[in-house]
Amino acid sequence: MVKSQVYLFSNKAGEKMNDEKPNIDVVKELIRSRTRWHRQHVKRCKEADRYYRNENDILKYGVRGQEFGPLRNADNRIPRNFHGLLVNQKAAYMFTAPPLFDIGKEEANKKIADILGDSYPKLCKDLCVNASNHECSWIHYWIDDAGNFCYGIVSSEQIIPVYSSDLNRTLVAVLRTYKDTDFSTGKEITIWEYWDKERCYSYYRQSNTISTAGLSEYNVFPGIPEDGAAEKGNVFLHGWEEVPFIPFYNNNISTNDLVNIKPLVDAYDKVFTGFLNDLEDIQEVIFILTNYGGEDKKEFIDDLKKYKMIKLDDDGDDGGKTGVETLTISIPIEAREKFLEMTRKAIFEQGQGVDPDPQKFGNSSGEALKYLYSLLELKAGLMETEFKLGFGKLVRAICKHIGTQCDQIIQTWTRSAIRSDSELAEICEKSVGVISNKTILKNHPFVENADEEEKQLEREKKKTAEEADEYQNAFQKQAEEDQGGEIDGEEE
């Protein structure tokens, strides 16, 4: 009998711990060795989430270096949601029409589509947004009490993955942590779940900080027996023979979409907000009074508003000079406009998106529109490569559940972009006889599902043939009747 072993590296180089079944000490060691990395990951996730919600740093710090004084009173803080725009743009571009799967068996394809359910398009969009902000999104799948296959998204802030050290980099285990409430005490607790390819082990501690002190077994699975033995509430035999978690990485280097544009977005917010502050401050005119006779400055303002004039006394100083002067702020408008224009362009280049400025579209042809989407297509292609692996694992898990052999999986991905439908329709028309009708249907701008469209064409073709046969039969019958009448006339 070959025993499966899980290798977890401790903080000491070269030292590793082997155990047929991970006990609480193994989980503690894993928490200690991976906590620092996970904290940094969570910090990056929260920052990207803030920028996605348009809660940029400008809201916390304002325009840094701004000196408040007689000429500096305004303190506006205006964020621009470039990050949210670019993420939503990618999600809509890739998943408005979610990927379709074909394993070569029509009946199995229908079952897979039924299991994915109505929430599948939304899940795809959420996967894209989460991966764009959190570097990686995760799907967890399980079987519910009714025996149905279920799946859902788990925040990457809860996941600490453990990979093998070989070239395949197989997912060996997942350590999941999240907050819950102990209803016996009403206090918040931190739960740690250790998932390997056979079981899930659950532990908890009272404090909500990441630590191994006070870690105890948590009976989160009451009443579930393990291997037919006595009930053991903190151990669950899931039976998948693999870790039931699937990673969906944002790109090939596992970074989020904020890292490339954050300095540019912050610079844009500072200049834009500083410009607005100057516009407000410039409306506040500073009066310079020379030899003003009144001691109360409020009297000066009241006289100016009421009489449209003020009284100035000559006290004999400064050569008898009296008067009122004003001081305002001079704003370098052209330099700021140029900087904002350059920064906006750089944001969409670095963020690999499409600038929605209407002036950039105009009456562009199909090829010109493709060029506008070239950077977005590059970014989408990197995500598609990573997501195909994840969706492939999900479909194979569903096939295992329904008892269907799954070999090759054909994934059909559709982009949603501004395009010239007339040019695409013309290309499809000219391609008849050159390529298969199935390929033409898949690429026609008016066709969403090539299989259904093919069946509909077959039904219409069959109906047309039946109508033609009925017409031909009726015409032939009428001809026979006419011919019979002529013969009867001749005989008479």
Protein backbone atom coordinates (compact mmCIF):
# COMPACT_ATOMS: atom_id res chain seq x y z
CA MET A 1 0.00 0.00 0.00
CA VAL A 2 1.46 3.34 -1.11
CA LYS A 3 0.91 6.13 1.36
CA SER A 4 0.27 9.64 0.03
CA GLN A 5 2.50 12.22 1.66
CA VAL A 6 2.26 15.98 1.89
CA TYR A 7 5.53 17.90 2.09
CA LEU A 8 5.43 21.27 3.80
CA PHE A 9 8.60 23.31 4.06
CA SER A 10 9.28 25.07 7.32
CA ASN A 11 11.20 28.32 7.77
CA LYS A 12 14.46 26.37 8.00
CA ALA A 13 16.04 25.70 4.63
CA GLY A 14 15.99 22.06 3.60
CA GLU A 15 13.82 20.92 6.52
CA LYS A 16 10.50 19.33 5.63
CA MET A 17 7.76 17.57 7.49
CA ASN A 18 6.13 14.35 6.29
CA ASP A 19 2.82 13.07 7.51
CA GLU A 20 0.31 10.68 6.10
CA LYS A 21 -2.44 12.87 7.52
CA PRO A 22 -1.67 16.48 8.39
CA ASN A 23 -2.13 17.06 12.11
CA ILE A 24 -2.53 20.37 13.89
CA ASP A 25 1.24 20.86 14.12
CA VAL A 26 1.54 20.68 10.32
CA VAL A 27 -1.18 23.29 9.92
CA LYS A 28 0.54 25.54 12.48
CA GLU A 29 3.83 25.25 10.61
CA LEU A 30 2.12 26.10 7.33
CA ILE A 31 0.49 29.16 8.88
CA ARG A 32 3.82 30.37 10.27
CA SER A 33 5.71 29.86 7.00
CA ARG A 34 3.13 31.44 4.69
CA THR A 35 1.66 34.23 6.82
CA ARG A 36 4.07 36.99 5.77
CA TRP A 37 3.48 36.37 2.06
CA HIS A 38 -0.27 36.18 2.60
CA ARG A 39 -0.39 39.48 4.49
CA GLN A 40 1.30 41.27 1.61
CA HIS A 41 -1.08 39.62 -0.83
CA VAL A 42 -4.13 40.71 1.17
CA LYS A 43 -2.76 44.26 1.33
CA ARG A 44 -2.46 44.39 -2.48
CA CYS A 45 -5.96 42.95 -2.85
CA LYS A 46 -7.52 45.59 -0.60
CA GLU A 47 -5.70 48.38 -2.40
CA ALA A 48 -6.92 47.21 -5.82
CA ASP A 49 -10.46 46.86 -4.44
CA ARG A 50 -10.32 50.47 -3.20
CA TYR A 51 -9.28 51.78 -6.59
CA TYR A 52 -11.95 49.64 -8.28
CA ARG A 53 -14.55 51.37 -6.07
CA ASN A 54 -13.01 54.76 -6.97
CA GLU A 55 -11.58 55.24 -3.47
CA ASN A 56 -8.18 56.46 -4.65
CA ASP A 57 -5.36 57.75 -2.43
CA ILE A 58 -6.31 61.33 -3.29
CA LEU A 59 -9.32 60.96 -0.97
CA LYS A 60 -7.03 60.23 2.00
CA TYR A 61 -4.09 62.54 1.36
CA GLY A 62 -5.41 65.31 -0.87
CA VAL A 63 -2.92 67.27 -2.92
CA ARG A 64 0.35 66.59 -1.11
CA GLY A 65 2.61 69.54 -0.61
CA GLN A 66 -0.22 72.07 -0.90
CA GLU A 67 0.47 74.95 1.47
CA PHE A 68 -2.64 76.38 3.06
CA GLY A 69 -2.65 80.11 3.65
CA PRO A 70 -4.33 83.31 2.49
CA LEU A 71 -4.27 82.11 -1.13
CA ARG A 72 -4.79 78.36 -0.48
CA ASN A 73 -8.13 77.54 1.08
CA ALA A 74 -9.80 75.00 -1.24
CA ASP A 75 -9.21 71.33 -0.45
CA ASN A 76 -11.11 69.36 -3.09
CA ARG A 77 -10.27 65.66 -3.55
CA ILE A 78 -11.52 64.32 -6.88
CA PRO A 79 -10.66 60.70 -7.84
CA ARG A 80 -10.90 59.35 -11.38
CA ASN A 81 -11.96 55.72 -11.69
CA PHE A 82 -9.58 54.65 -14.48
CA HIS A 83 -8.87 51.31 -12.81
CA GLY A 84 -12.56 50.42 -12.52
CA LEU A 85 -13.12 51.43 -16.13
CA LEU A 86 -10.27 49.26 -17.44
CA VAL A 87 -11.30 46.22 -15.35
CA ASN A 88 -14.97 46.47 -16.36
CA GLN A 89 -13.91 46.99 -19.95
CA LYS A 90 -11.95 43.73 -19.90
CA ALA A 91 -14.74 41.83 -18.13
CA ALA A 92 -17.38 43.00 -20.62
CA TYR A 93 -15.07 42.39 -23.58
CA MET A 94 -14.30 38.80 -22.56
CA PHE A 95 -17.39 37.57 -20.71
CA THR A 96 -20.50 39.32 -22.01
CA ALA A 97 -20.76 36.09 -23.99
CA PRO A 98 -19.27 33.45 -21.61
CA PRO A 99 -17.13 30.56 -22.92
CA LEU A 100 -18.91 27.51 -24.35
CA PHE A 101 -17.67 23.94 -23.87
CA ASP A 102 -17.83 20.92 -26.15
CA ILE A 103 -16.50 17.50 -25.07
CA GLY A 104 -17.71 15.77 -28.25
CA LYS A 105 -20.90 14.34 -26.70
CA GLU A 106 -24.09 16.29 -27.26
CA GLU A 107 -25.98 14.80 -24.34
CA ALA A 108 -23.08 15.42 -21.95
CA ASN A 109 -22.77 19.00 -23.24
CA LYS A 110 -26.40 19.64 -22.25
CA LYS A 111 -25.83 18.22 -18.77
CA ILE A 112 -22.73 20.39 -18.31
CA ALA A 113 -24.68 23.49 -19.39
CA ASP A 114 -27.51 22.59 -16.97
CA ILE A 115 -25.09 22.15 -14.06
CA LEU A 116 -23.32 25.44 -14.81
CA GLY A 117 -26.77 27.03 -14.59
CA ASP A 118 -28.12 30.53 -15.07
CA SER A 119 -25.51 32.06 -12.76
CA TYR A 120 -22.62 30.92 -14.98
CA PRO A 121 -22.33 34.20 -17.00
CA LYS A 122 -22.25 36.27 -13.80
CA LEU A 123 -19.70 33.92 -12.25
CA CYS A 124 -17.44 34.39 -15.29
CA LYS A 125 -17.66 38.16 -14.96
CA ASP A 126 -16.97 38.00 -11.21
CA LEU A 127 -14.00 35.69 -11.82
CA CYS A 128 -12.52 38.24 -14.22
CA VAL A 129 -13.03 41.19 -11.86
CA ASN A 130 -11.65 39.29 -8.85
CA ALA A 131 -8.61 38.05 -10.74
CA SER A 132 -7.95 41.56 -12.08
CA ASN A 133 -7.95 42.95 -8.53
CA HIS A 134 -6.63 39.98 -6.53
CA GLU A 135 -4.05 38.53 -8.94
CA CYS A 136 -5.87 35.19 -8.80
CA SER A 137 -9.47 34.11 -8.37
CA TRP A 138 -10.54 30.74 -6.94
CA ILE A 139 -13.48 28.38 -7.51
CA HIS A 140 -14.43 25.80 -4.91
CA TYR A 141 -16.73 22.92 -5.91
CA TRP A 142 -18.62 20.42 -3.74
CA ILE A 143 -21.66 18.12 -3.60
CA ASP A 144 -24.63 19.35 -1.57
CA ASP A 145 -26.94 17.26 0.62
CA ALA A 146 -29.21 16.54 -2.35
CA GLY A 147 -26.31 15.16 -4.41
CA ASN A 148 -26.11 18.16 -6.75
CA PHE A 149 -22.82 19.53 -8.07
CA CYS A 150 -22.25 23.04 -6.71
CA TYR A 151 -19.50 25.58 -7.27
CA GLY A 152 -18.74 29.11 -6.17
CA ILE A 153 -16.08 31.80 -5.99
CA VAL A 154 -13.85 32.02 -2.91
CA SER A 155 -11.97 35.26 -2.29
CA SER A 156 -8.23 34.89 -2.75
CA GLU A 157 -7.82 36.77 0.53
CA GLN A 158 -8.95 33.52 2.20
CA ILE A 159 -6.66 31.18 0.23
CA ILE A 160 -3.08 30.12 0.90
CA PRO A 161 -2.13 27.57 -1.80
CA VAL A 162 0.53 24.88 -1.44
CA TYR A 163 2.15 23.74 -4.70
CA SER A 164 4.53 20.91 -5.43
CA SER A 165 8.15 21.79 -6.18
CA ASP A 166 8.31 19.83 -9.45
CA LEU A 167 7.95 21.33 -12.93
CA ASN A 168 4.23 20.54 -13.07
CA ARG A 169 3.63 22.73 -10.00
CA THR A 170 0.61 20.69 -8.92
CA LEU A 171 -1.77 22.06 -6.31
CA VAL A 172 -1.03 19.84 -3.30
CA ALA A 173 -3.19 21.53 -0.66
CA VAL A 174 -5.14 24.66 0.16
CA LEU A 175 -5.24 26.43 3.51
CA ARG A 176 -8.37 28.54 3.76
CA THR A 177 -8.93 31.10 6.53
CA TYR A 178 -12.03 33.17 7.21
CA LYS A 179 -13.99 34.77 10.04
CA ASP A 180 -17.09 33.26 11.64
CA THR A 181 -19.14 33.64 14.81
CA ASP A 182 -19.13 31.20 17.70
CA PHE A 183 -22.84 31.16 18.50
CA SER A 184 -22.21 29.56 21.89
CA THR A 185 -20.27 32.65 23.03
CA GLY A 186 -21.26 35.25 20.43
CA LYS A 187 -17.59 36.04 19.80
CA GLU A 188 -15.82 36.25 16.44
CA ILE A 189 -13.46 33.39 15.66
CA THR A 190 -10.91 32.68 12.96
CA ILE A 191 -11.37 29.37 11.14
CA TRP A 192 -8.59 27.53 9.31
CA GLU A 193 -9.47 24.76 6.84
CA TYR A 194 -6.75 22.51 5.45
CA TRP A 195 -7.82 20.81 2.20
CA ASP A 196 -5.80 18.04 0.56
CA LYS A 197 -6.80 15.60 -2.18
CA GLU A 198 -8.75 13.39 0.24
CA ARG A 199 -9.98 15.33 3.27
CA CYS A 200 -10.64 18.68 4.85
CA TYR A 201 -9.36 19.38 8.41
CA SER A 202 -10.92 22.28 10.29
CA TYR A 203 -9.42 24.30 13.17
CA TYR A 204 -10.21 27.59 14.91
CA ARG A 205 -8.93 30.13 17.42
CA GLN A 206 -10.74 32.83 19.40
CA SER A 207 -8.62 35.81 18.39
CA ASN A 208 -9.16 37.37 14.96
CA THR A 209 -5.43 37.84 14.32
CA ILE A 210 -3.30 35.52 12.22
CA SER A 211 -1.54 33.35 14.76
CA THR A 212 -1.18 29.72 15.77
CA ALA A 213 -1.64 30.33 19.48
CA GLY A 214 -4.78 28.70 20.81
CA LEU A 215 -5.48 26.78 17.59
CA SER A 216 -7.92 23.93 18.28
CA GLU A 217 -9.99 21.41 16.37
CA TYR A 218 -13.25 22.89 15.11
CA ASN A 219 -16.31 20.65 14.75
CA VAL A 220 -17.62 22.32 11.61
CA PHE A 221 -18.78 19.00 10.11
CA PRO A 222 -20.90 17.40 12.83
CA GLY A 223 -22.53 14.10 12.02
CA ILE A 224 -20.31 13.30 9.01
CA PRO A 225 -18.47 9.98 9.45
CA GLU A 226 -15.02 9.41 8.01
CA ASP A 227 -14.45 6.07 6.23
CA GLY A 228 -17.44 4.62 8.08
CA ALA A 229 -15.63 5.03 11.40
CA ALA A 230 -16.74 7.02 14.39
CA GLU A 231 -17.93 10.55 13.75
CA LYS A 232 -15.17 13.10 13.80
CA GLY A 233 -16.43 16.64 13.54
CA ASN A 234 -13.28 18.39 12.32
CA VAL A 235 -12.49 15.97 9.46
CA PHE A 236 -14.45 15.72 6.22
CA LEU A 237 -13.82 13.12 3.50
CA HIS A 238 -14.73 14.99 0.30
CA GLY A 239 -14.00 12.09 -2.09
CA TRP A 240 -12.76 14.08 -5.12
CA GLU A 241 -9.27 12.53 -5.12
CA GLU A 242 -7.91 16.01 -5.81
CA VAL A 243 -7.97 19.37 -4.06
CA PRO A 244 -11.45 20.78 -4.85
CA PHE A 245 -10.14 24.30 -5.51
CA ILE A 246 -9.31 25.74 -8.95
CA PRO A 247 -7.08 28.82 -9.47
CA PHE A 248 -7.82 31.37 -12.21
CA TYR A 249 -4.75 33.58 -12.60
CA ASN A 250 -5.00 37.08 -14.01
CA ASN A 251 -1.96 36.71 -16.27
CA ASN A 252 1.25 34.75 -16.68
CA ILE A 253 3.09 36.62 -13.89
CA SER A 254 0.19 36.66 -11.39
CA THR A 255 -0.11 40.43 -10.95
CA ASN A 256 -3.22 42.57 -10.69
CA ASP A 257 -4.24 45.25 -13.17
CA LEU A 258 -3.60 48.16 -10.80
CA VAL A 259 0.14 47.76 -10.47
CA ASN A 260 0.90 49.20 -13.94
CA ILE A 261 -1.30 52.30 -13.71
CA LYS A 262 -1.40 53.32 -10.03
CA PRO A 263 1.40 55.95 -10.22
CA LEU A 264 -0.20 57.47 -13.32
CA VAL A 265 -3.69 57.54 -11.78
CA ASP A 266 -2.34 59.20 -8.61
CA ALA A 267 -0.51 61.82 -10.68
CA TYR A 268 -3.65 62.54 -12.71
CA ASP A 269 -5.74 62.92 -9.55
CA LYS A 270 -3.24 65.35 -7.99
CA VAL A 271 -3.00 67.63 -11.02
CA PHE A 272 -6.74 67.55 -11.73
CA THR A 273 -7.63 68.24 -8.09
CA GLY A 274 -4.95 70.93 -7.76
CA PHE A 275 -6.36 72.65 -10.85
CA LEU A 276 -9.86 72.67 -9.34
CA ASN A 277 -8.50 74.04 -6.06
CA ASP A 278 -6.80 76.88 -7.93
CA LEU A 279 -10.01 77.71 -9.79
CA GLU A 280 -11.84 78.07 -6.48
CA ASP A 281 -9.05 80.03 -4.81
CA ILE A 282 -8.70 82.49 -7.67
CA GLN A 283 -12.25 83.70 -7.10
CA GLU A 284 -11.28 84.88 -3.63
CA VAL A 285 -9.82 88.34 -4.24
CA ILE A 286 -7.30 89.56 -1.68
CA PHE A 287 -7.66 93.32 -0.94
CA ILE A 288 -4.48 95.29 -0.18
CA LEU A 289 -5.45 98.41 1.78
CA THR A 290 -3.13 101.37 2.14
CA ASN A 291 -3.88 103.98 4.83
CA TYR A 292 -7.38 102.60 5.40
CA GLY A 293 -9.16 104.84 7.88
CA GLY A 294 -11.48 102.21 9.41
CA GLU A 295 -10.10 99.82 11.98
CA ASP A 296 -12.83 97.20 11.51
CA LYS A 297 -12.29 95.14 8.35
CA LYS A 298 -15.94 94.14 8.40
CA GLU A 299 -16.79 97.85 8.03
CA PHE A 300 -14.73 97.90 4.85
CA ILE A 301 -16.64 94.96 3.31
CA ASP A 302 -20.01 96.35 4.41
CA ASP A 303 -19.29 99.78 2.89
CA LEU A 304 -18.16 98.11 -0.33
CA LYS A 305 -21.33 96.04 -0.61
CA LYS A 306 -23.74 98.80 0.50
CA TYR A 307 -22.36 101.98 -1.07
CA LYS A 308 -20.13 100.53 -3.79
CA MET A 309 -17.41 102.81 -2.39
CA ILE A 310 -15.02 103.05 0.56
CA LYS A 311 -13.48 105.89 2.52
CA LEU A 312 -9.69 106.17 2.74
CA ASP A 313 -7.88 108.68 5.00
CA ASP A 314 -4.49 110.23 4.38
CA ASP A 315 -2.53 109.92 7.60
CA GLY A 316 0.51 111.70 6.20
CA ASP A 317 2.69 108.58 5.94
CA ASP A 318 4.12 107.17 2.71
CA GLY A 319 3.92 110.54 1.04
CA GLY A 320 0.18 110.72 1.35
CA LYS A 321 -0.31 107.50 -0.64
CA THR A 322 -3.70 105.82 -0.19
CA GLY A 323 -5.59 103.23 -2.18
CA VAL A 324 -6.94 99.69 -2.59
CA GLU A 325 -5.24 96.97 -4.66
CA THR A 326 -6.18 93.33 -5.33
CA LEU A 327 -4.07 90.15 -5.44
CA THR A 328 -5.09 87.04 -7.37
CA ILE A 329 -3.55 83.71 -8.40
CA SER A 330 -2.10 83.03 -11.82
CA ILE A 331 -2.88 79.51 -13.15
CA PRO A 332 -0.67 77.79 -15.77
CA ILE A 333 -3.57 76.28 -17.75
CA GLU A 334 -1.78 75.10 -20.90
CA ALA A 335 0.86 73.10 -19.02
CA ARG A 336 -1.77 71.33 -16.94
CA GLU A 337 -3.96 70.53 -19.93
CA LYS A 338 -0.98 69.01 -21.71
CA PHE A 339 0.02 66.98 -18.66
CA LEU A 340 -3.51 65.61 -18.15
CA GLU A 341 -3.73 64.68 -21.84
CA MET A 342 -0.37 62.88 -21.74
CA THR A 343 -1.20 61.10 -18.48
CA ARG A 344 -4.60 59.91 -19.75
CA LYS A 345 -2.98 58.46 -22.86
CA ALA A 346 -0.30 56.74 -20.77
CA ILE A 347 -2.93 55.23 -18.45
CA PHE A 348 -4.73 53.50 -21.32
CA GLU A 349 -1.43 52.37 -22.84
CA GLN A 350 -0.07 50.99 -19.58
CA GLY A 351 -3.46 49.57 -18.61
CA GLN A 352 -3.86 48.01 -22.09
CA GLY A 353 -7.36 49.31 -22.66
CA VAL A 354 -9.45 51.27 -25.15
CA ASP A 355 -9.79 55.00 -24.56
CA PRO A 356 -13.55 55.71 -24.88
CA ASP A 357 -12.90 59.20 -26.28
CA PRO A 358 -15.40 59.57 -29.21
CA GLN A 359 -12.84 61.51 -31.25
CA LYS A 360 -10.71 58.36 -31.51
CA PHE A 361 -13.50 56.39 -33.23
CA GLY A 362 -15.26 58.56 -35.79
CA ASN A 363 -16.21 56.66 -38.94
CA SER A 364 -13.52 54.02 -38.45
CA SER A 365 -13.51 50.91 -40.62
CA GLY A 366 -13.44 47.38 -39.28
CA GLU A 367 -9.64 47.16 -39.47
CA ALA A 368 -9.22 50.50 -37.70
CA LEU A 369 -11.53 49.34 -34.90
CA LYS A 370 -9.46 46.17 -34.53
CA TYR A 371 -6.36 48.35 -34.07
CA LEU A 372 -8.08 50.28 -31.27
CA TYR A 373 -8.70 46.98 -29.47
CA SER A 374 -5.19 45.61 -30.04
CA LEU A 375 -3.86 46.32 -26.52
CA LEU A 376 -7.06 45.08 -24.86
CA GLU A 377 -6.85 41.91 -26.95
CA LEU A 378 -3.28 41.31 -25.75
CA LYS A 379 -4.38 41.61 -22.11
CA ALA A 380 -7.45 39.46 -22.72
CA GLY A 381 -5.33 36.81 -24.43
CA LEU A 382 -3.08 36.45 -21.38
CA MET A 383 -6.11 35.99 -19.13
CA GLU A 384 -7.79 33.58 -21.55
CA THR A 385 -4.73 31.32 -21.55
CA GLU A 386 -4.81 31.07 -17.75
CA PHE A 387 -8.61 30.80 -17.50
CA LYS A 388 -8.78 27.98 -20.06
CA LEU A 389 -6.83 25.78 -17.66
CA GLY A 390 -9.23 26.59 -14.83
CA PHE A 391 -12.40 26.05 -16.86
CA GLY A 392 -10.96 22.79 -18.18
CA LYS A 393 -10.55 21.50 -14.61
CA LEU A 394 -14.06 22.63 -13.71
CA VAL A 395 -15.61 20.83 -16.69
CA ARG A 396 -13.66 17.64 -15.91
CA ALA A 397 -14.91 17.76 -12.32
CA ILE A 398 -18.48 18.04 -13.62
CA CYS A 399 -17.89 15.14 -16.02
CA LYS A 400 -16.59 13.06 -13.12
CA HIS A 401 -19.73 13.86 -11.16
CA ILE A 402 -22.09 12.83 -13.98
CA GLY A 403 -19.97 9.76 -14.82
CA THR A 404 -18.91 10.83 -18.31
CA GLN A 405 -15.50 10.20 -19.84
CA CYS A 406 -13.93 13.54 -20.79
CA ASP A 407 -10.97 13.60 -23.18
CA GLN A 408 -10.53 16.74 -25.23
CA ILE A 409 -12.47 19.89 -24.33
CA ILE A 410 -13.13 22.46 -27.06
CA GLN A 411 -13.64 25.92 -25.57
CA THR A 412 -15.27 28.63 -27.68
CA TRP A 413 -14.52 32.18 -26.53
CA THR A 414 -16.36 35.20 -27.91
CA ARG A 415 -15.24 38.82 -27.69
CA SER A 416 -17.72 41.70 -27.36
CA ALA A 417 -16.37 44.73 -29.18
CA ILE A 418 -17.43 47.53 -31.48
CA ARG A 419 -17.16 46.11 -34.98
CA SER A 420 -18.34 46.58 -38.54
CA ASP A 421 -21.10 43.97 -38.96
CA SER A 422 -21.49 44.73 -42.66
CA GLU A 423 -17.83 43.89 -43.33
CA LEU A 424 -18.07 40.64 -41.33
CA ALA A 425 -21.27 39.61 -43.11
CA GLU A 426 -19.64 40.31 -46.48
CA ILE A 427 -16.60 38.20 -45.54
CA CYS A 428 -18.89 35.32 -44.48
CA GLU A 429 -20.79 35.55 -47.78
CA LYS A 430 -17.59 35.37 -49.80
CA SER A 431 -16.37 32.41 -47.72
CA VAL A 432 -19.20 30.09 -48.81
CA GLY A 433 -17.65 27.08 -50.52
CA VAL A 434 -14.17 27.96 -49.27
CA ILE A 435 -14.57 26.96 -45.63
CA SER A 436 -17.19 24.87 -43.83
CA ASN A 437 -20.65 26.26 -43.17
CA LYS A 438 -20.14 25.59 -39.43
CA THR A 439 -17.12 27.92 -39.34
CA ILE A 440 -19.05 30.57 -41.25
CA LEU A 441 -21.91 30.36 -38.78
CA LYS A 442 -19.55 30.66 -35.80
CA ASN A 443 -18.09 33.89 -37.19
CA HIS A 444 -21.25 35.49 -38.58
CA PRO A 445 -22.13 38.68 -36.64
CA PHE A 446 -25.81 37.73 -36.26
CA VAL A 447 -25.20 34.21 -34.94
CA GLU A 448 -24.77 33.66 -31.19
CA ASN A 449 -24.97 29.86 -31.07
CA ALA A 450 -23.69 28.08 -34.17
CA ASP A 451 -25.17 24.70 -33.17
CA GLU A 452 -28.68 26.10 -32.69
CA GLU A 453 -28.41 28.12 -35.88
CA GLU A 454 -27.37 25.01 -37.80
CA LYS A 455 -30.38 23.12 -36.46
CA GLN A 456 -32.67 26.02 -37.34
CA LEU A 457 -31.33 26.11 -40.89
CA GLU A 458 -31.89 22.39 -41.18
CA ARG A 459 -35.49 22.77 -39.98
CA GLU A 460 -36.13 25.62 -42.42
CA LYS A 461 -34.55 23.63 -45.25
CA LYS A 462 -36.72 20.62 -44.44
CA LYS A 463 -39.84 22.81 -44.26
CA THR A 464 -39.01 24.44 -47.60
CA ALA A 465 -38.49 21.02 -49.17
CA GLU A 466 -41.85 19.82 -47.83
CA GLU A 467 -43.62 22.89 -49.17
CA ALA A 468 -41.94 22.41 -52.54
CA ASP A 469 -43.09 18.77 -52.63
CA GLU A 470 -46.65 19.77 -51.79
CA TYR A 471 -46.61 22.39 -54.53
CA GLN A 472 -45.11 19.93 -57.01
CA ASN A 473 -47.70 17.28 -56.13
CA ALA A 474 -50.56 19.74 -56.45
CA PHE A 475 -49.26 20.98 -59.83
CA GLN A 476 -48.80 17.44 -61.11
CA LYS A 477 -52.30 16.45 -59.93
CA GLN A 478 -53.81 19.46 -61.67
CA ALA A 479 -51.91 18.63 -64.85
CA GLU A 480 -53.17 15.06 -64.75
CA GLU A 481 -56.73 16.25 -64.25
CA ASP A 482 -56.42 18.69 -67.16
CA GLN A 483 -54.94 15.97 -69.37
CA GLY A 484 -57.74 13.55 -68.44
CA GLY A 485 -60.41 16.11 -69.35
CA GLU A 486 -58.92 16.63 -72.82
CA ILE A 487 -58.87 12.92 -73.50
CA ASP A 488 -62.51 12.61 -72.40
CA GLY A 489 -63.42 15.45 -74.77
CA GLU A 490 -61.74 13.72 -77.74
CA GLU A 491 -63.55 10.48 -77.02
CA GLU A 492 -66.87 12.28 -77.02
